[in-house]
Amino acid sequence: MESLQMFAYSRTSVLIALQNINESKWDNQPSSFPNTIRWNAGHMYITAEVFLNKADPNYTVMHPEWEKLFIDGTSHLKWLEEPPTKEEIIHALEKQKERILTYSSADLNKDASETQVFHALSLHTVEAALQFVTWHDGLHLGILKSMEKTC
């Protein structure tokens, strides 16, 4: 259950930060960053969706169409369609938080249906995937705050 509490704290911090960043800054790309605030916000969302779905196929990916906009390796410079608005992304992150918090400790302990491996890190359980998502949110929260100061 501590993993869920830590996720809730991390995601709440992300949501507060995003709500407080003026939308006029969401599409600026500071010279020292590869993407924008909008991209980072959408990236946090879609990364959580993909990682949790790979760990637990019962976790359904919402907004799968956002993957081509926000997954690793994408760039706002290559978007061919309008990205979701600030409100749409924040709403999706809030709903995702609610969905994730419905996991019980028994569900978290389940073996991942697909182990995800990154260098020395292996995500063998649903909880490990959630812990990665929590870390990932924190990482991008720092990026968001840095970007806001330089936009």
N, C-alpha and C. Protein backbone atom coordinates (compact mmCIF):
# COMPACT_ATOMS: atom_id res chain seq x y z
N MET A 1 0.80 -1.20 0.00
CA MET A 1 0.00 0.00 0.00
C MET A 1 0.85 1.27 0.00
N GLU A 2 2.09 1.17 0.50
CA GLU A 2 2.95 2.35 0.50
C GLU A 2 3.22 2.83 -0.93
N SER A 3 3.30 1.90 -1.87
CA SER A 3 3.53 2.30 -3.27
C SER A 3 2.38 3.15 -3.79
N LEU A 4 1.16 2.79 -3.41
CA LEU A 4 0.01 3.58 -3.84
C LEU A 4 0.02 4.97 -3.19
N GLN A 5 0.40 5.02 -1.93
CA GLN A 5 0.47 6.31 -1.24
C GLN A 5 1.54 7.20 -1.86
N MET A 6 2.68 6.62 -2.18
CA MET A 6 3.75 7.39 -2.80
C MET A 6 3.34 7.87 -4.19
N PHE A 7 2.67 7.00 -4.94
CA PHE A 7 2.16 7.42 -6.25
C PHE A 7 1.18 8.57 -6.10
N ALA A 8 0.25 8.46 -5.16
CA ALA A 8 -0.75 9.52 -4.95
C ALA A 8 -0.07 10.84 -4.64
N TYR A 9 0.95 10.80 -3.80
CA TYR A 9 1.69 12.02 -3.45
C TYR A 9 2.39 12.60 -4.68
N SER A 10 3.07 11.75 -5.41
CA SER A 10 3.81 12.19 -6.59
C SER A 10 2.86 12.78 -7.63
N ARG A 11 1.78 12.08 -7.93
CA ARG A 11 0.85 12.55 -8.95
C ARG A 11 0.15 13.84 -8.52
N THR A 12 -0.19 13.94 -7.25
CA THR A 12 -0.80 15.18 -6.75
C THR A 12 0.16 16.35 -6.94
N SER A 13 1.43 16.13 -6.67
CA SER A 13 2.44 17.17 -6.87
C SER A 13 2.53 17.58 -8.33
N VAL A 14 2.48 16.61 -9.23
CA VAL A 14 2.51 16.89 -10.66
C VAL A 14 1.29 17.72 -11.06
N LEU A 15 0.12 17.31 -10.58
CA LEU A 15 -1.12 18.01 -10.94
C LEU A 15 -1.12 19.45 -10.44
N ILE A 16 -0.66 19.66 -9.23
CA ILE A 16 -0.58 21.03 -8.69
C ILE A 16 0.36 21.87 -9.56
N ALA A 17 1.51 21.32 -9.88
CA ALA A 17 2.47 22.06 -10.71
C ALA A 17 1.87 22.41 -12.07
N LEU A 18 1.26 21.42 -12.73
CA LEU A 18 0.69 21.67 -14.05
C LEU A 18 -0.42 22.70 -14.02
N GLN A 19 -1.26 22.64 -13.00
CA GLN A 19 -2.36 23.61 -12.88
C GLN A 19 -1.82 25.02 -12.67
N ASN A 20 -0.67 25.13 -12.04
CA ASN A 20 -0.10 26.44 -11.73
C ASN A 20 0.76 27.02 -12.85
N ILE A 21 1.07 26.24 -13.86
CA ILE A 21 1.87 26.74 -14.98
C ILE A 21 0.92 27.36 -16.00
N ASN A 22 1.12 28.61 -16.30
CA ASN A 22 0.28 29.32 -17.25
C ASN A 22 0.35 28.61 -18.61
N GLU A 23 -0.80 28.43 -19.22
CA GLU A 23 -0.85 27.70 -20.49
C GLU A 23 -0.03 28.40 -21.58
N SER A 24 0.22 29.68 -21.45
CA SER A 24 1.04 30.38 -22.44
C SER A 24 2.46 29.82 -22.49
N LYS A 25 2.88 29.11 -21.44
CA LYS A 25 4.22 28.52 -21.39
C LYS A 25 4.24 27.07 -21.87
N TRP A 26 3.08 26.45 -22.03
CA TRP A 26 3.01 25.03 -22.30
C TRP A 26 3.65 24.60 -23.63
N ASP A 27 3.74 25.49 -24.58
CA ASP A 27 4.28 25.10 -25.88
C ASP A 27 5.62 25.76 -26.20
N ASN A 28 6.23 26.40 -25.21
CA ASN A 28 7.56 26.97 -25.39
C ASN A 28 8.59 25.87 -25.17
N GLN A 29 9.63 25.89 -25.98
CA GLN A 29 10.73 24.94 -25.81
C GLN A 29 12.00 25.71 -25.46
N PRO A 30 12.37 25.70 -24.18
CA PRO A 30 13.63 26.36 -23.82
C PRO A 30 14.79 25.68 -24.55
N SER A 31 15.81 26.44 -24.87
CA SER A 31 16.91 25.93 -25.69
C SER A 31 17.62 24.72 -25.09
N SER A 32 17.61 24.59 -23.78
CA SER A 32 18.32 23.47 -23.16
C SER A 32 17.44 22.23 -22.93
N PHE A 33 16.21 22.23 -23.46
CA PHE A 33 15.30 21.11 -23.28
C PHE A 33 14.85 20.58 -24.63
N PRO A 34 14.67 19.26 -24.74
CA PRO A 34 14.29 18.68 -26.04
C PRO A 34 12.80 18.78 -26.36
N ASN A 35 11.98 19.16 -25.40
CA ASN A 35 10.54 19.20 -25.63
C ASN A 35 9.90 20.31 -24.81
N THR A 36 8.57 20.30 -24.75
CA THR A 36 7.79 21.36 -24.11
C THR A 36 7.11 20.84 -22.84
N ILE A 37 6.52 21.75 -22.10
CA ILE A 37 5.74 21.36 -20.92
C ILE A 37 4.58 20.47 -21.34
N ARG A 38 3.89 20.83 -22.42
CA ARG A 38 2.76 20.01 -22.90
C ARG A 38 3.23 18.59 -23.21
N TRP A 39 4.37 18.49 -23.89
CA TRP A 39 4.88 17.15 -24.22
C TRP A 39 5.20 16.37 -22.94
N ASN A 40 5.85 17.00 -21.98
CA ASN A 40 6.20 16.30 -20.73
C ASN A 40 4.96 15.85 -19.98
N ALA A 41 3.93 16.68 -19.94
CA ALA A 41 2.69 16.32 -19.26
C ALA A 41 2.03 15.12 -19.94
N GLY A 42 1.93 15.16 -21.25
CA GLY A 42 1.35 14.03 -21.98
C GLY A 42 2.21 12.79 -21.90
N HIS A 43 3.52 13.00 -21.86
CA HIS A 43 4.46 11.88 -21.75
C HIS A 43 4.29 11.14 -20.43
N MET A 44 4.11 11.87 -19.35
CA MET A 44 3.88 11.21 -18.05
C MET A 44 2.62 10.35 -18.12
N TYR A 45 1.60 10.89 -18.73
CA TYR A 45 0.33 10.17 -18.84
C TYR A 45 0.49 8.89 -19.65
N ILE A 46 1.01 9.01 -20.86
CA ILE A 46 1.05 7.83 -21.74
C ILE A 46 2.05 6.80 -21.26
N THR A 47 3.13 7.24 -20.63
CA THR A 47 4.10 6.28 -20.09
C THR A 47 3.45 5.42 -19.01
N ALA A 48 2.69 6.05 -18.13
CA ALA A 48 2.00 5.28 -17.08
C ALA A 48 1.01 4.30 -17.71
N GLU A 49 0.28 4.75 -18.71
CA GLU A 49 -0.69 3.87 -19.36
C GLU A 49 -0.01 2.64 -19.96
N VAL A 50 1.06 2.86 -20.69
CA VAL A 50 1.75 1.76 -21.39
C VAL A 50 2.40 0.81 -20.38
N PHE A 51 3.10 1.36 -19.39
CA PHE A 51 3.81 0.51 -18.43
C PHE A 51 2.83 -0.33 -17.61
N LEU A 52 1.74 0.28 -17.16
CA LEU A 52 0.79 -0.48 -16.34
C LEU A 52 0.02 -1.49 -17.17
N ASN A 53 -0.26 -1.17 -18.43
CA ASN A 53 -0.93 -2.13 -19.30
C ASN A 53 -0.05 -3.33 -19.61
N LYS A 54 1.25 -3.09 -19.77
CA LYS A 54 2.16 -4.22 -20.01
C LYS A 54 2.28 -5.10 -18.77
N ALA A 55 2.23 -4.48 -17.60
CA ALA A 55 2.31 -5.26 -16.37
C ALA A 55 1.00 -5.97 -16.07
N ASP A 56 -0.11 -5.33 -16.40
CA ASP A 56 -1.44 -5.87 -16.10
C ASP A 56 -2.37 -5.56 -17.26
N PRO A 57 -2.62 -6.53 -18.14
CA PRO A 57 -3.47 -6.28 -19.31
C PRO A 57 -4.90 -5.87 -18.94
N ASN A 58 -5.29 -6.09 -17.67
CA ASN A 58 -6.61 -5.62 -17.23
C ASN A 58 -6.65 -4.10 -17.07
N TYR A 59 -5.48 -3.48 -17.03
CA TYR A 59 -5.40 -2.02 -16.99
C TYR A 59 -5.48 -1.55 -18.44
N THR A 60 -6.62 -0.99 -18.81
CA THR A 60 -6.86 -0.58 -20.19
C THR A 60 -6.26 0.78 -20.47
N VAL A 61 -5.56 0.89 -21.58
CA VAL A 61 -4.97 2.16 -21.99
C VAL A 61 -6.09 3.08 -22.48
N MET A 62 -6.21 4.22 -21.83
CA MET A 62 -7.14 5.26 -22.28
C MET A 62 -6.33 6.24 -23.12
N HIS A 63 -6.95 6.80 -24.10
CA HIS A 63 -6.29 7.72 -25.04
C HIS A 63 -5.09 7.07 -25.74
N PRO A 64 -5.26 5.89 -26.31
CA PRO A 64 -4.13 5.26 -27.00
C PRO A 64 -3.61 6.11 -28.16
N GLU A 65 -4.46 6.99 -28.68
CA GLU A 65 -4.05 7.87 -29.77
C GLU A 65 -2.97 8.88 -29.34
N TRP A 66 -2.82 9.07 -28.04
CA TRP A 66 -1.80 9.99 -27.55
C TRP A 66 -0.40 9.39 -27.60
N GLU A 67 -0.32 8.07 -27.77
CA GLU A 67 0.99 7.42 -27.77
C GLU A 67 1.89 8.00 -28.87
N LYS A 68 1.34 8.22 -30.05
CA LYS A 68 2.15 8.75 -31.16
C LYS A 68 2.61 10.18 -30.92
N LEU A 69 2.01 10.87 -29.95
CA LEU A 69 2.41 12.24 -29.63
C LEU A 69 3.44 12.30 -28.51
N PHE A 70 3.32 11.37 -27.53
CA PHE A 70 4.02 11.55 -26.27
C PHE A 70 4.96 10.43 -25.83
N ILE A 71 5.02 9.32 -26.54
CA ILE A 71 5.87 8.23 -26.09
C ILE A 71 7.34 8.61 -26.32
N ASP A 72 8.26 7.94 -25.64
CA ASP A 72 9.69 8.20 -25.82
C ASP A 72 10.03 8.26 -27.30
N GLY A 73 10.86 9.23 -27.65
CA GLY A 73 11.32 9.36 -29.03
C GLY A 73 10.46 10.28 -29.88
N THR A 74 9.31 10.71 -29.35
CA THR A 74 8.47 11.64 -30.11
C THR A 74 8.89 13.07 -29.80
N SER A 75 8.42 13.98 -30.62
CA SER A 75 8.74 15.39 -30.43
C SER A 75 7.57 16.24 -30.86
N HIS A 76 7.35 17.30 -30.12
CA HIS A 76 6.30 18.25 -30.48
C HIS A 76 6.57 18.86 -31.86
N LEU A 77 7.80 18.85 -32.30
CA LEU A 77 8.15 19.41 -33.60
C LEU A 77 7.63 18.57 -34.76
N LYS A 78 7.26 17.32 -34.48
CA LYS A 78 6.80 16.41 -35.54
C LYS A 78 5.30 16.14 -35.47
N TRP A 79 4.60 16.84 -34.59
CA TRP A 79 3.16 16.62 -34.49
C TRP A 79 2.44 17.07 -35.75
N LEU A 80 1.58 16.21 -36.27
CA LEU A 80 0.80 16.52 -37.47
C LEU A 80 -0.65 16.85 -37.12
N GLU A 81 -0.97 16.77 -35.86
CA GLU A 81 -2.33 17.07 -35.41
C GLU A 81 -2.26 17.91 -34.14
N GLU A 82 -3.38 18.51 -33.81
CA GLU A 82 -3.44 19.31 -32.60
C GLU A 82 -3.30 18.41 -31.38
N PRO A 83 -2.41 18.76 -30.47
CA PRO A 83 -2.28 17.95 -29.25
C PRO A 83 -3.44 18.26 -28.31
N PRO A 84 -3.63 17.43 -27.30
CA PRO A 84 -4.67 17.72 -26.31
C PRO A 84 -4.38 19.04 -25.58
N THR A 85 -5.45 19.67 -25.12
CA THR A 85 -5.31 20.92 -24.40
C THR A 85 -4.77 20.67 -22.99
N LYS A 86 -4.37 21.75 -22.34
CA LYS A 86 -3.94 21.68 -20.94
C LYS A 86 -5.03 21.01 -20.11
N GLU A 87 -6.26 21.45 -20.28
CA GLU A 87 -7.37 20.89 -19.49
C GLU A 87 -7.56 19.40 -19.77
N GLU A 88 -7.46 18.99 -21.03
CA GLU A 88 -7.62 17.57 -21.37
C GLU A 88 -6.53 16.72 -20.74
N ILE A 89 -5.30 17.19 -20.79
CA ILE A 89 -4.19 16.42 -20.21
C ILE A 89 -4.33 16.34 -18.70
N ILE A 90 -4.62 17.46 -18.05
CA ILE A 90 -4.77 17.45 -16.59
C ILE A 90 -5.93 16.55 -16.19
N HIS A 91 -7.04 16.63 -16.89
CA HIS A 91 -8.18 15.75 -16.59
C HIS A 91 -7.80 14.28 -16.75
N ALA A 92 -7.08 13.96 -17.81
CA ALA A 92 -6.65 12.57 -18.03
C ALA A 92 -5.72 12.11 -16.91
N LEU A 93 -4.79 12.97 -16.48
CA LEU A 93 -3.88 12.61 -15.38
C LEU A 93 -4.66 12.41 -14.07
N GLU A 94 -5.68 13.22 -13.83
CA GLU A 94 -6.51 13.06 -12.63
C GLU A 94 -7.28 11.74 -12.67
N LYS A 95 -7.90 11.45 -13.81
CA LYS A 95 -8.65 10.19 -13.95
C LYS A 95 -7.72 8.99 -13.85
N GLN A 96 -6.53 9.11 -14.42
CA GLN A 96 -5.55 8.03 -14.34
C GLN A 96 -5.17 7.79 -12.88
N LYS A 97 -4.97 8.84 -12.13
CA LYS A 97 -4.66 8.71 -10.70
C LYS A 97 -5.75 7.90 -10.01
N GLU A 98 -7.00 8.25 -10.26
CA GLU A 98 -8.13 7.52 -9.65
C GLU A 98 -8.10 6.05 -10.04
N ARG A 99 -7.85 5.76 -11.32
CA ARG A 99 -7.82 4.38 -11.78
C ARG A 99 -6.70 3.60 -11.11
N ILE A 100 -5.53 4.21 -11.02
CA ILE A 100 -4.37 3.53 -10.44
C ILE A 100 -4.60 3.26 -8.96
N LEU A 101 -5.22 4.18 -8.26
CA LEU A 101 -5.43 4.02 -6.82
C LEU A 101 -6.45 2.94 -6.48
N THR A 102 -7.11 2.37 -7.46
CA THR A 102 -8.04 1.27 -7.20
C THR A 102 -7.34 -0.07 -7.03
N TYR A 103 -6.03 -0.11 -7.30
CA TYR A 103 -5.30 -1.35 -7.09
C TYR A 103 -5.27 -1.70 -5.61
N SER A 104 -5.45 -2.96 -5.31
CA SER A 104 -5.29 -3.43 -3.93
C SER A 104 -3.88 -3.98 -3.78
N SER A 105 -3.48 -4.23 -2.56
CA SER A 105 -2.14 -4.78 -2.34
C SER A 105 -2.00 -6.14 -3.03
N ALA A 106 -3.08 -6.92 -3.09
CA ALA A 106 -3.01 -8.23 -3.76
C ALA A 106 -2.75 -8.05 -5.26
N ASP A 107 -3.41 -7.07 -5.87
CA ASP A 107 -3.20 -6.82 -7.30
C ASP A 107 -1.79 -6.35 -7.58
N LEU A 108 -1.25 -5.54 -6.69
CA LEU A 108 0.10 -5.02 -6.89
C LEU A 108 1.14 -6.12 -6.83
N ASN A 109 0.90 -7.15 -6.05
CA ASN A 109 1.87 -8.22 -5.89
C ASN A 109 1.87 -9.23 -7.04
N LYS A 110 0.93 -9.09 -7.96
CA LYS A 110 0.86 -10.02 -9.08
C LYS A 110 2.10 -9.89 -9.96
N ASP A 111 2.52 -11.03 -10.51
CA ASP A 111 3.59 -11.00 -11.49
C ASP A 111 3.13 -10.20 -12.71
N ALA A 112 4.04 -9.46 -13.28
CA ALA A 112 3.72 -8.70 -14.49
C ALA A 112 3.48 -9.67 -15.63
N SER A 113 2.52 -9.38 -16.46
CA SER A 113 2.28 -10.25 -17.61
C SER A 113 3.39 -10.09 -18.64
N GLU A 114 4.07 -8.94 -18.62
CA GLU A 114 5.23 -8.71 -19.49
C GLU A 114 6.28 -7.98 -18.65
N THR A 115 7.39 -8.66 -18.40
CA THR A 115 8.47 -8.03 -17.65
C THR A 115 9.14 -7.00 -18.55
N GLN A 116 9.30 -5.80 -18.01
CA GLN A 116 9.97 -4.72 -18.74
C GLN A 116 11.38 -4.58 -18.17
N VAL A 117 12.35 -4.54 -19.06
CA VAL A 117 13.75 -4.52 -18.64
C VAL A 117 14.43 -3.28 -19.23
N PHE A 118 15.12 -2.54 -18.36
CA PHE A 118 15.91 -1.37 -18.75
C PHE A 118 17.27 -1.52 -18.11
N HIS A 119 18.25 -1.80 -18.89
CA HIS A 119 19.61 -1.98 -18.37
C HIS A 119 19.59 -2.94 -17.18
N ALA A 120 19.85 -2.47 -15.97
CA ALA A 120 19.90 -3.35 -14.79
C ALA A 120 18.56 -3.41 -14.06
N LEU A 121 17.54 -2.75 -14.57
CA LEU A 121 16.23 -2.71 -13.91
C LEU A 121 15.25 -3.64 -14.60
N SER A 122 14.63 -4.54 -13.82
CA SER A 122 13.59 -5.43 -14.34
C SER A 122 12.32 -5.21 -13.54
N LEU A 123 11.24 -4.93 -14.24
CA LEU A 123 9.95 -4.72 -13.59
C LEU A 123 9.14 -6.01 -13.69
N HIS A 124 9.24 -6.84 -12.64
CA HIS A 124 8.64 -8.17 -12.65
C HIS A 124 7.23 -8.23 -12.10
N THR A 125 6.79 -7.18 -11.41
CA THR A 125 5.45 -7.18 -10.79
C THR A 125 4.72 -5.90 -11.19
N VAL A 126 3.42 -5.92 -10.95
CA VAL A 126 2.61 -4.72 -11.17
C VAL A 126 3.12 -3.60 -10.27
N GLU A 127 3.47 -3.94 -9.04
CA GLU A 127 3.98 -2.92 -8.12
C GLU A 127 5.28 -2.31 -8.62
N ALA A 128 6.15 -3.10 -9.19
CA ALA A 128 7.40 -2.56 -9.74
C ALA A 128 7.11 -1.58 -10.86
N ALA A 129 6.14 -1.90 -11.70
CA ALA A 129 5.75 -0.98 -12.78
C ALA A 129 5.20 0.32 -12.18
N LEU A 130 4.39 0.21 -11.13
CA LEU A 130 3.85 1.40 -10.47
C LEU A 130 4.97 2.22 -9.83
N GLN A 131 5.94 1.56 -9.24
CA GLN A 131 7.06 2.28 -8.65
C GLN A 131 7.85 3.03 -9.73
N PHE A 132 8.01 2.41 -10.90
CA PHE A 132 8.67 3.11 -12.00
C PHE A 132 7.87 4.33 -12.41
N VAL A 133 6.55 4.18 -12.53
CA VAL A 133 5.68 5.29 -12.91
C VAL A 133 5.81 6.43 -11.91
N THR A 134 5.87 6.09 -10.62
CA THR A 134 6.01 7.11 -9.57
C THR A 134 7.34 7.83 -9.71
N TRP A 135 8.41 7.08 -9.91
CA TRP A 135 9.73 7.68 -10.12
C TRP A 135 9.71 8.58 -11.36
N HIS A 136 9.09 8.09 -12.42
CA HIS A 136 9.02 8.81 -13.69
C HIS A 136 8.27 10.13 -13.51
N ASP A 137 7.17 10.11 -12.78
CA ASP A 137 6.43 11.34 -12.49
C ASP A 137 7.34 12.34 -11.77
N GLY A 138 8.07 11.87 -10.76
CA GLY A 138 8.97 12.75 -10.01
C GLY A 138 10.06 13.34 -10.89
N LEU A 139 10.61 12.52 -11.75
CA LEU A 139 11.64 12.98 -12.68
C LEU A 139 11.10 14.12 -13.54
N HIS A 140 9.93 13.89 -14.14
CA HIS A 140 9.36 14.90 -15.03
C HIS A 140 8.80 16.10 -14.27
N LEU A 141 8.45 15.94 -13.02
CA LEU A 141 8.04 17.08 -12.20
C LEU A 141 9.22 18.06 -12.08
N GLY A 142 10.40 17.54 -11.85
CA GLY A 142 11.58 18.39 -11.79
C GLY A 142 11.84 19.08 -13.12
N ILE A 143 11.65 18.35 -14.21
CA ILE A 143 11.82 18.95 -15.54
C ILE A 143 10.79 20.06 -15.75
N LEU A 144 9.54 19.80 -15.38
CA LEU A 144 8.49 20.82 -15.54
C LEU A 144 8.83 22.09 -14.78
N LYS A 145 9.27 21.94 -13.55
CA LYS A 145 9.59 23.11 -12.73
C LYS A 145 10.78 23.87 -13.29
N SER A 146 11.75 23.16 -13.81
CA SER A 146 12.90 23.81 -14.45
C SER A 146 12.47 24.53 -15.72
N MET A 147 11.64 23.88 -16.50
CA MET A 147 11.17 24.49 -17.76
C MET A 147 10.35 25.74 -17.48
N GLU A 148 9.51 25.70 -16.46
CA GLU A 148 8.67 26.86 -16.15
C GLU A 148 9.54 28.08 -15.85
N LYS A 149 10.66 27.86 -15.17
CA LYS A 149 11.54 28.97 -14.81
C LYS A 149 12.29 29.53 -16.01
N THR A 150 12.46 28.72 -17.05
CA THR A 150 13.24 29.18 -18.20
C THR A 150 12.37 29.61 -19.38
N CYS A 151 11.06 29.36 -19.29
CA CYS A 151 10.14 29.75 -20.39
C CYS A 151 9.87 31.24 -20.36
